[in-house]
Structures are given as C-alpha cells and as structure tokens.
Amino acid sequence: MSDQDKQNSDAAAQAEADAAASEKGPEIPSQEAFAEAAAAHAAEEAHAAANDAAAAATGAGDAERVAALEAEVSNLKDQLLRALAETENLRQRTRREREDTIKYAAMGLVKDLVEVTDNLKRAIESVPAEAIEDDSQLKNLLTGVQMTDKEILTVFERHNIKQVAALGEKLDPHSHEALFEVPDPTSPAGTVVQVMQPGYRLHDRLVRPARVGVAVGGPAAASEAAPAPGDNVDTTA
C-alpha cells in the first residue's frame, strides 16, 4: 500500500469515528466528576457558613462592647451628677458662711460695747435724785451721760443690735437667764418681773441673755390655766 492510500484509509477511519461519536450524543459525566463537584459545592457552603459564623461572633462581641460602654457612660453620668450636687452644696454652704461671717463680724465688738452701756446705766442709777437738785454741774453731767446712753442705743438699733424683750415676758431659757425668784402673787408664775441686766441680739443671734428675776407663787400662766377642750362640758344632764 502506498503512502497515499494509507493516508486515505486513516482519514476514512477518523471520519467513521467522528460519525459514531456524533450518533452517541454528548458525553455523560462520570461519578467521579459528580463527586468532585459535590465536594466543591460543600466546600463553598462550609466557607460561607464559616463567614456567617464569624460575622455573628463579631456582632455579638460588638453588642457586648456597646453594653459595657453604655454601663460605663451611665456610671460616669452618675458620678458627674453627684459631683455637680456636691459642688452646688459646697457653693451654697460657702455663700451662707460668707454671709454669716459678714453679718456677725462685729460680734466681739458688740459684746464689749454692751458692757459699756451697763456701766453708763450704773452711773446714771448711782446719782440720787436729790443730789442733782442742789448741784447743777452734777445735773449737767448726768444729762450728758443719759444722752450718751441713748445715743449708743440708737446706734445699736441702726446696726441691728436690739435688746431682748424681758420684763413681763414668760421666762425663755433661750433668751433669759433667771438669777432669782420673786414671790409675787399678782404675776403669773414664771413671768419675768425684774431685769437685772438687759440682754442683746445681733440680728437673730443672741449676744447676751437678759439676767432676770422670775415671779413665783402667782397664778398659772394663761396658756397653762386654759381648760382643755371638753373640760367645761356639762355632764350632769
């Protein structure tokens, strides 16, 4: 057989093979191919599931961090409010202390001045009435002392230094100091009937209590003697 005949024979055989392949249709994938495809798909699903799980874990971590931050913010807010409240209380207390310091700064001076008024009153009371009738100079001196005493009391009033009400008042241990008792059946028991030394206040703070004598043996005070409700009801009917 020549080379030309051999080539023609090979071409015919290839043509028959191609014709037979076309008659069989497309090649069906083998089981190994299906297994490989299934494995690849499973790998993709597993990867996607792993990504979803990682995302979920990240989201849970963020939620925990947000909760922790919110708790910290709440704590800091509470501390801030407490600090503001303490600051406001300190500011108010400081303002009151400053006002009291200014208001009662003259307390020491007032205590000394009331002693001066006591001496002026003693000087006035020590002069007999008959002595000034025969001595014009003594009378003028007494008048000057009386005017000085009156002027001091005026200055006291101007600076909110006032005498404590005592004579005829019911004994008040916060304002009066009882030195002795005076038998007096005409005055309610516990009433101030004699003032030995006047008391004074600077604004609302006591500088010195009034030293007084208190009545005993008299009728009860009106508030003590008043009958209780129902005591005067007629029960004889």
C-alpha atoms as a PDB file:
ATOM      1  CA  MET A   1       0.000   0.000   0.000  1.00  0.00           C
ATOM      2  CA  SER A   2       1.291   3.374  -0.925  1.00  0.00           C
ATOM      3  CA  ASP A   3       1.547   6.266   1.394  1.00  0.00           C
ATOM      4  CA  GLN A   4      -1.303   7.968  -0.351  1.00  0.00           C
ATOM      5  CA  ASP A   5      -3.579   5.002   0.166  1.00  0.00           C
ATOM      6  CA  LYS A   6      -2.584   4.824   3.843  1.00  0.00           C
ATOM      7  CA  GLN A   7      -3.486   8.489   4.426  1.00  0.00           C
ATOM      8  CA  ASN A   8      -6.832   7.993   2.723  1.00  0.00           C
ATOM      9  CA  SER A   9      -7.528   4.970   4.920  1.00  0.00           C
ATOM     10  CA  ASP A  10      -6.673   6.892   8.136  1.00  0.00           C
ATOM     11  CA  ALA A  11      -8.910   9.794   7.114  1.00  0.00           C
ATOM     12  CA  ALA A  12     -11.792   7.416   6.476  1.00  0.00           C
ATOM     13  CA  ALA A  13     -11.324   5.763   9.853  1.00  0.00           C
ATOM     14  CA  GLN A  14     -11.326   9.171  11.617  1.00  0.00           C
ATOM     15  CA  ALA A  15     -14.467  10.129   9.733  1.00  0.00           C
ATOM     16  CA  GLU A  16     -16.197   6.949  10.852  1.00  0.00           C
ATOM     17  CA  ALA A  17     -15.119   7.563  14.435  1.00  0.00           C
ATOM     18  CA  ASP A  18     -16.436  11.114  14.318  1.00  0.00           C
ATOM     19  CA  ALA A  19     -19.712   9.866  12.858  1.00  0.00           C
ATOM     20  CA  ALA A  20     -20.056   7.279  15.602  1.00  0.00           C
ATOM     21  CA  ALA A  21     -19.352   9.899  18.327  1.00  0.00           C
ATOM     22  CA  SER A  22     -21.992  12.207  16.898  1.00  0.00           C
ATOM     23  CA  GLU A  23     -24.520   9.407  16.914  1.00  0.00           C
ATOM     24  CA  LYS A  24     -23.841   8.720  20.686  1.00  0.00           C
ATOM     25  CA  GLY A  25     -24.591  12.390  21.665  1.00  0.00           C
ATOM     26  CA  PRO A  26     -22.766  14.429  24.399  1.00  0.00           C
ATOM     27  CA  GLU A  27     -20.508  12.582  26.801  1.00  0.00           C
ATOM     28  CA  ILE A  28     -22.149  11.877  30.199  1.00  0.00           C
ATOM     29  CA  PRO A  29     -20.022  12.984  33.262  1.00  0.00           C
ATOM     30  CA  SER A  30     -18.678  10.149  35.325  1.00  0.00           C
ATOM     31  CA  GLN A  31     -19.447   9.524  39.047  1.00  0.00           C
ATOM     32  CA  GLU A  32     -16.016  10.876  39.939  1.00  0.00           C
ATOM     33  CA  ALA A  33     -16.938  14.183  38.290  1.00  0.00           C
ATOM     34  CA  PHE A  34     -20.203  14.349  40.264  1.00  0.00           C
ATOM     35  CA  ALA A  35     -18.291  13.612  43.475  1.00  0.00           C
ATOM     36  CA  GLU A  36     -15.747  16.335  42.760  1.00  0.00           C
ATOM     37  CA  ALA A  37     -18.493  18.872  42.016  1.00  0.00           C
ATOM     38  CA  ALA A  38     -20.371  17.938  45.196  1.00  0.00           C
ATOM     39  CA  ALA A  39     -17.201  18.274  47.241  1.00  0.00           C
ATOM     40  CA  ALA A  40     -16.504  21.714  45.756  1.00  0.00           C
ATOM     41  CA  HIS A  41     -20.077  22.842  46.488  1.00  0.00           C
ATOM     42  CA  ALA A  42     -19.846  21.561  50.053  1.00  0.00           C
ATOM     43  CA  ALA A  43     -16.574  23.409  50.493  1.00  0.00           C
ATOM     44  CA  GLU A  44     -18.191  26.611  49.277  1.00  0.00           C
ATOM     45  CA  GLU A  45     -21.140  26.097  51.655  1.00  0.00           C
ATOM     46  CA  ALA A  46     -18.795  25.432  54.549  1.00  0.00           C
ATOM     47  CA  HIS A  47     -16.797  28.582  53.749  1.00  0.00           C
ATOM     48  CA  ALA A  48     -19.968  30.652  53.581  1.00  0.00           C
ATOM     49  CA  ALA A  49     -21.193  29.160  56.876  1.00  0.00           C
ATOM     50  CA  ALA A  50     -17.822  29.943  58.468  1.00  0.00           C
ATOM     51  CA  ASN A  51     -18.058  33.541  57.262  1.00  0.00           C
ATOM     52  CA  ASP A  52     -21.599  33.839  58.629  1.00  0.00           C
ATOM     53  CA  ALA A  53     -20.496  32.394  61.972  1.00  0.00           C
ATOM     54  CA  ALA A  54     -17.566  34.801  62.137  1.00  0.00           C
ATOM     55  CA  ALA A  55     -19.851  37.720  61.347  1.00  0.00           C
ATOM     56  CA  ALA A  56     -22.296  36.601  64.022  1.00  0.00           C
ATOM     57  CA  ALA A  57     -19.487  36.270  66.548  1.00  0.00           C
ATOM     58  CA  THR A  58     -18.238  39.733  65.621  1.00  0.00           C
ATOM     59  CA  GLY A  59     -21.761  41.136  66.032  1.00  0.00           C
ATOM     60  CA  ALA A  60     -22.106  39.504  69.458  1.00  0.00           C
ATOM     61  CA  GLY A  61     -18.764  40.961  70.502  1.00  0.00           C
ATOM     62  CA  ASP A  62     -19.860  44.431  69.355  1.00  0.00           C
ATOM     63  CA  ALA A  63     -23.113  44.111  71.304  1.00  0.00           C
ATOM     64  CA  GLU A  64     -21.209  43.200  74.457  1.00  0.00           C
ATOM     65  CA  ARG A  65     -18.833  46.099  73.946  1.00  0.00           C
ATOM     66  CA  VAL A  66     -21.730  48.511  73.397  1.00  0.00           C
ATOM     67  CA  ALA A  67     -23.398  47.247  76.579  1.00  0.00           C
ATOM     68  CA  ALA A  68     -20.150  47.733  78.510  1.00  0.00           C
ATOM     69  CA  LEU A  69     -19.725  51.252  77.118  1.00  0.00           C
ATOM     70  CA  GLU A  70     -23.310  52.143  77.978  1.00  0.00           C
ATOM     71  CA  ALA A  71     -22.773  50.916  81.545  1.00  0.00           C
ATOM     72  CA  GLU A  72     -19.577  52.982  81.782  1.00  0.00           C
ATOM     73  CA  VAL A  73     -21.349  56.065  80.424  1.00  0.00           C
ATOM     74  CA  SER A  74     -24.168  55.587  82.955  1.00  0.00           C
ATOM     75  CA  ASN A  75     -21.640  55.276  85.766  1.00  0.00           C
ATOM     76  CA  LEU A  76     -19.742  58.373  84.641  1.00  0.00           C
ATOM     77  CA  LYS A  77     -23.020  60.286  84.334  1.00  0.00           C
ATOM     78  CA  ASP A  78     -23.971  59.303  87.876  1.00  0.00           C
ATOM     79  CA  GLN A  79     -20.558  60.403  89.140  1.00  0.00           C
ATOM     80  CA  LEU A  80     -20.913  63.688  87.266  1.00  0.00           C
ATOM     81  CA  LEU A  81     -24.345  64.358  88.764  1.00  0.00           C
ATOM     82  CA  ARG A  82     -23.046  63.583  92.234  1.00  0.00           C
ATOM     83  CA  ALA A  83     -20.072  65.874  91.712  1.00  0.00           C
ATOM     84  CA  LEU A  84     -22.355  68.662  90.489  1.00  0.00           C
ATOM     85  CA  ALA A  85     -24.651  68.212  93.504  1.00  0.00           C
ATOM     86  CA  GLU A  86     -21.701  68.276  95.908  1.00  0.00           C
ATOM     87  CA  THR A  87     -20.323  71.351  94.173  1.00  0.00           C
ATOM     88  CA  GLU A  88     -23.680  73.116  94.435  1.00  0.00           C
ATOM     89  CA  ASN A  89     -23.989  72.205  98.129  1.00  0.00           C
ATOM     90  CA  LEU A  90     -20.458  73.439  98.752  1.00  0.00           C
ATOM     91  CA  ARG A  91     -21.208  76.664  96.893  1.00  0.00           C
ATOM     92  CA  GLN A  92     -24.357  77.293  98.929  1.00  0.00           C
ATOM     93  CA  ARG A  93     -22.627  76.422 102.200  1.00  0.00           C
ATOM     94  CA  THR A  94     -19.736  78.707 101.344  1.00  0.00           C
ATOM     95  CA  ARG A  95     -22.147  81.518 100.475  1.00  0.00           C
ATOM     96  CA  ARG A  96     -24.000  81.088 103.798  1.00  0.00           C
ATOM     97  CA  GLU A  97     -20.740  81.004 105.729  1.00  0.00           C
ATOM     98  CA  ARG A  98     -19.541  84.127 103.943  1.00  0.00           C
ATOM     99  CA  GLU A  99     -22.839  85.904 104.647  1.00  0.00           C
ATOM    100  CA  ASP A 100     -22.730  84.859 108.311  1.00  0.00           C
ATOM    101  CA  THR A 101     -19.131  85.987 108.578  1.00  0.00           C
ATOM    102  CA  ILE A 102     -20.080  89.423 107.290  1.00  0.00           C
ATOM    103  CA  LYS A 103     -23.333  89.514 109.256  1.00  0.00           C
ATOM    104  CA  TYR A 104     -21.809  88.614 112.613  1.00  0.00           C
ATOM    105  CA  ALA A 105     -18.306  90.022 112.131  1.00  0.00           C
ATOM    106  CA  ALA A 106     -18.932  92.646 114.828  1.00  0.00           C
ATOM    107  CA  MET A 107     -20.000  90.111 117.484  1.00  0.00           C
ATOM    108  CA  GLY A 108     -16.867  90.605 119.605  1.00  0.00           C
ATOM    109  CA  LEU A 109     -17.160  94.394 119.446  1.00  0.00           C
ATOM    110  CA  VAL A 110     -20.848  94.268 120.346  1.00  0.00           C
ATOM    111  CA  LYS A 111     -20.125  92.130 123.416  1.00  0.00           C
ATOM    112  CA  ASP A 112     -17.653  94.767 124.608  1.00  0.00           C
ATOM    113  CA  LEU A 113     -19.987  97.668 123.854  1.00  0.00           C
ATOM    114  CA  VAL A 114     -22.899  96.236 125.812  1.00  0.00           C
ATOM    115  CA  GLU A 115     -20.606  96.206 128.835  1.00  0.00           C
ATOM    116  CA  VAL A 116     -20.060  99.929 128.264  1.00  0.00           C
ATOM    117  CA  THR A 117     -23.814 100.548 128.253  1.00  0.00           C
ATOM    118  CA  ASP A 118     -24.064  98.612 131.533  1.00  0.00           C
ATOM    119  CA  ASN A 119     -21.528 100.971 133.097  1.00  0.00           C
ATOM    120  CA  LEU A 120     -23.391 104.011 131.783  1.00  0.00           C
ATOM    121  CA  LYS A 121     -26.631 102.731 133.310  1.00  0.00           C
ATOM    122  CA  ARG A 122     -24.917 102.046 136.610  1.00  0.00           C
ATOM    123  CA  ALA A 123     -23.522 105.589 136.586  1.00  0.00           C
ATOM    124  CA  ILE A 124     -26.988 107.017 135.900  1.00  0.00           C
ATOM    125  CA  GLU A 125     -28.660 104.932 138.595  1.00  0.00           C
ATOM    126  CA  SER A 126     -25.971 105.794 141.170  1.00  0.00           C
ATOM    127  CA  VAL A 127     -26.854 109.505 141.212  1.00  0.00           C
ATOM    128  CA  PRO A 128     -29.520 110.308 143.852  1.00  0.00           C
ATOM    129  CA  ALA A 129     -32.391 112.439 142.645  1.00  0.00           C
ATOM    130  CA  GLU A 130     -31.958 114.916 145.499  1.00  0.00           C
ATOM    131  CA  ALA A 131     -28.262 115.368 144.684  1.00  0.00           C
ATOM    132  CA  ILE A 132     -28.887 116.784 141.216  1.00  0.00           C
ATOM    133  CA  GLU A 133     -31.353 119.323 142.600  1.00  0.00           C
ATOM    134  CA  ASP A 134     -28.609 121.005 144.615  1.00  0.00           C
ATOM    135  CA  ASP A 135     -25.756 120.584 142.110  1.00  0.00           C
ATOM    136  CA  SER A 136     -26.256 121.996 138.623  1.00  0.00           C
ATOM    137  CA  GLN A 137     -22.905 120.654 137.408  1.00  0.00           C
ATOM    138  CA  LEU A 138     -23.792 117.154 138.525  1.00  0.00           C
ATOM    139  CA  LYS A 139     -27.149 117.544 136.816  1.00  0.00           C
ATOM    140  CA  ASN A 140     -25.483 118.569 133.555  1.00  0.00           C
ATOM    141  CA  LEU A 141     -23.049 115.666 133.831  1.00  0.00           C
ATOM    142  CA  LEU A 142     -25.910 113.255 134.405  1.00  0.00           C
ATOM    143  CA  THR A 143     -27.757 114.660 131.400  1.00  0.00           C
ATOM    144  CA  GLY A 144     -24.677 114.136 129.228  1.00  0.00           C
ATOM    145  CA  VAL A 145     -24.327 110.534 130.394  1.00  0.00           C
ATOM    146  CA  GLN A 146     -28.022 109.892 129.716  1.00  0.00           C
ATOM    147  CA  MET A 147     -27.704 111.358 126.221  1.00  0.00           C
ATOM    148  CA  THR A 148     -24.632 109.196 125.576  1.00  0.00           C
ATOM    149  CA  ASP A 149     -26.505 106.088 126.694  1.00  0.00           C
ATOM    150  CA  LYS A 150     -29.457 106.979 124.484  1.00  0.00           C
ATOM    151  CA  GLU A 151     -27.175 107.620 121.504  1.00  0.00           C
ATOM    152  CA  ILE A 152     -25.482 104.246 121.946  1.00  0.00           C
ATOM    153  CA  LEU A 153     -28.859 102.504 121.899  1.00  0.00           C
ATOM    154  CA  THR A 154     -29.752 104.416 118.719  1.00  0.00           C
ATOM    155  CA  VAL A 155     -26.519 103.260 117.090  1.00  0.00           C
ATOM    156  CA  PHE A 156     -27.299  99.729 118.231  1.00  0.00           C
ATOM    157  CA  GLU A 157     -30.681  99.855 116.516  1.00  0.00           C
ATOM    158  CA  ARG A 158     -29.099 101.173 113.347  1.00  0.00           C
ATOM    159  CA  HIS A 159     -26.786  98.155 113.217  1.00  0.00           C
ATOM    160  CA  ASN A 160     -29.455  95.573 114.135  1.00  0.00           C
ATOM    161  CA  ILE A 161     -28.365  95.257 117.763  1.00  0.00           C
ATOM    162  CA  LYS A 162     -31.543  95.056 119.813  1.00  0.00           C
ATOM    163  CA  GLN A 163     -32.400  94.469 123.435  1.00  0.00           C
ATOM    164  CA  VAL A 164     -34.035  91.174 124.324  1.00  0.00           C
ATOM    165  CA  ALA A 165     -37.653  91.599 125.421  1.00  0.00           C
ATOM    166  CA  ALA A 166     -37.783  90.501 129.045  1.00  0.00           C
ATOM    167  CA  LEU A 167     -39.949  92.444 131.522  1.00  0.00           C
ATOM    168  CA  GLY A 168     -43.445  90.933 131.667  1.00  0.00           C
ATOM    169  CA  GLU A 169     -42.466  88.101 129.326  1.00  0.00           C
ATOM    170  CA  LYS A 170     -42.656  84.409 130.146  1.00  0.00           C
ATOM    171  CA  LEU A 171     -39.221  83.044 131.027  1.00  0.00           C
ATOM    172  CA  ASP A 172     -37.474  81.785 127.900  1.00  0.00           C
ATOM    173  CA  PRO A 173     -34.288  79.806 128.584  1.00  0.00           C
ATOM    174  CA  HIS A 174     -33.063  80.667 125.077  1.00  0.00           C
ATOM    175  CA  SER A 175     -33.233  84.413 125.793  1.00  0.00           C
ATOM    176  CA  HIS A 176     -33.317  84.821 129.589  1.00  0.00           C
ATOM    177  CA  GLU A 177     -31.101  83.788 132.474  1.00  0.00           C
ATOM    178  CA  ALA A 178     -33.034  83.503 135.737  1.00  0.00           C
ATOM    179  CA  LEU A 179     -30.927  84.725 138.661  1.00  0.00           C
ATOM    180  CA  PHE A 180     -33.524  84.520 141.429  1.00  0.00           C
ATOM    181  CA  GLU A 181     -37.218  84.056 142.168  1.00  0.00           C
ATOM    182  CA  VAL A 182     -39.537  86.798 143.347  1.00  0.00           C
ATOM    183  CA  PRO A 183     -42.644  85.898 145.395  1.00  0.00           C
ATOM    184  CA  ASP A 184     -45.396  87.768 143.575  1.00  0.00           C
ATOM    185  CA  PRO A 185     -48.992  86.517 143.818  1.00  0.00           C
ATOM    186  CA  THR A 186     -50.154  89.151 141.321  1.00  0.00           C
ATOM    187  CA  SER A 187     -47.984  87.933 138.454  1.00  0.00           C
ATOM    188  CA  PRO A 188     -48.291  84.576 136.689  1.00  0.00           C
ATOM    189  CA  ALA A 189     -45.674  82.099 137.830  1.00  0.00           C
ATOM    190  CA  GLY A 190     -42.647  82.008 135.541  1.00  0.00           C
ATOM    191  CA  THR A 191     -43.077  85.626 134.411  1.00  0.00           C
ATOM    192  CA  VAL A 192     -40.095  87.986 134.342  1.00  0.00           C
ATOM    193  CA  VAL A 193     -40.775  90.711 136.913  1.00  0.00           C
ATOM    194  CA  GLN A 194     -37.319  92.214 137.298  1.00  0.00           C
ATOM    195  CA  VAL A 195     -34.452  92.797 134.858  1.00  0.00           C
ATOM    196  CA  MET A 196     -31.025  92.988 136.442  1.00  0.00           C
ATOM    197  CA  GLN A 197     -29.105  93.220 133.196  1.00  0.00           C
ATOM    198  CA  PRO A 198     -30.617  93.646 129.711  1.00  0.00           C
ATOM    199  CA  GLY A 199     -29.884  91.102 127.010  1.00  0.00           C
ATOM    200  CA  TYR A 200     -28.974  91.855 123.398  1.00  0.00           C
ATOM    201  CA  ARG A 201     -29.184  90.229 119.975  1.00  0.00           C
ATOM    202  CA  LEU A 202     -27.133  90.890 116.855  1.00  0.00           C
ATOM    203  CA  HIS A 203     -29.609  90.214 114.049  1.00  0.00           C
ATOM    204  CA  ASP A 204     -31.083  86.875 115.185  1.00  0.00           C
ATOM    205  CA  ARG A 205     -28.071  85.668 117.209  1.00  0.00           C
ATOM    206  CA  LEU A 206     -28.004  86.094 120.978  1.00  0.00           C
ATOM    207  CA  VAL A 207     -25.137  88.276 122.178  1.00  0.00           C
ATOM    208  CA  ARG A 208     -26.044  88.021 125.855  1.00  0.00           C
ATOM    209  CA  PRO A 209     -29.119  86.706 127.646  1.00  0.00           C
ATOM    210  CA  ALA A 210     -31.159  89.010 129.839  1.00  0.00           C
ATOM    211  CA  ARG A 211     -30.441  88.350 133.535  1.00  0.00           C
ATOM    212  CA  VAL A 212     -33.766  88.456 135.299  1.00  0.00           C
ATOM    213  CA  GLY A 213     -35.843  87.689 138.357  1.00  0.00           C
ATOM    214  CA  VAL A 214     -38.861  85.417 137.914  1.00  0.00           C
ATOM    215  CA  ALA A 215     -42.199  85.515 139.743  1.00  0.00           C
ATOM    216  CA  VAL A 216     -43.297  82.529 141.842  1.00  0.00           C
ATOM    217  CA  GLY A 217     -46.417  81.844 143.871  1.00  0.00           C
ATOM    218  CA  GLY A 218     -48.753  83.612 141.470  1.00  0.00           C
ATOM    219  CA  PRO A 219     -51.487  82.136 139.278  1.00  0.00           C
ATOM    220  CA  ALA A 220     -50.609  79.872 136.398  1.00  0.00           C
ATOM    221  CA  ALA A 221     -49.972  81.475 133.048  1.00  0.00           C
ATOM    222  CA  ALA A 222     -52.970  81.914 130.793  1.00  0.00           C
ATOM    223  CA  SER A 223     -51.790  79.212 128.411  1.00  0.00           C
ATOM    224  CA  GLU A 224     -51.331  76.784 131.311  1.00  0.00           C
ATOM    225  CA  ALA A 225     -54.617  77.670 133.015  1.00  0.00           C
ATOM    226  CA  ALA A 226     -56.780  77.415 129.906  1.00  0.00           C
ATOM    227  CA  PRO A 227     -59.094  74.382 130.131  1.00  0.00           C
ATOM    228  CA  ALA A 228     -58.637  71.597 127.670  1.00  0.00           C
ATOM    229  CA  PRO A 229     -61.368  71.119 125.056  1.00  0.00           C
ATOM    230  CA  GLY A 230     -64.300  69.331 126.637  1.00  0.00           C
ATOM    231  CA  ASP A 231     -63.353  70.151 130.256  1.00  0.00           C
ATOM    232  CA  ASN A 232     -66.218  72.642 130.618  1.00  0.00           C
ATOM    233  CA  VAL A 233     -68.863  70.383 129.096  1.00  0.00           C
ATOM    234  CA  ASP A 234     -71.892  69.922 131.350  1.00  0.00           C
ATOM    235  CA  THR A 235     -72.206  66.193 132.036  1.00  0.00           C
ATOM    236  CA  THR A 236     -74.970  66.432 134.642  1.00  0.00           C
ATOM    237  CA  ALA A 237     -77.788  66.221 132.087  1.00  0.00           C
END
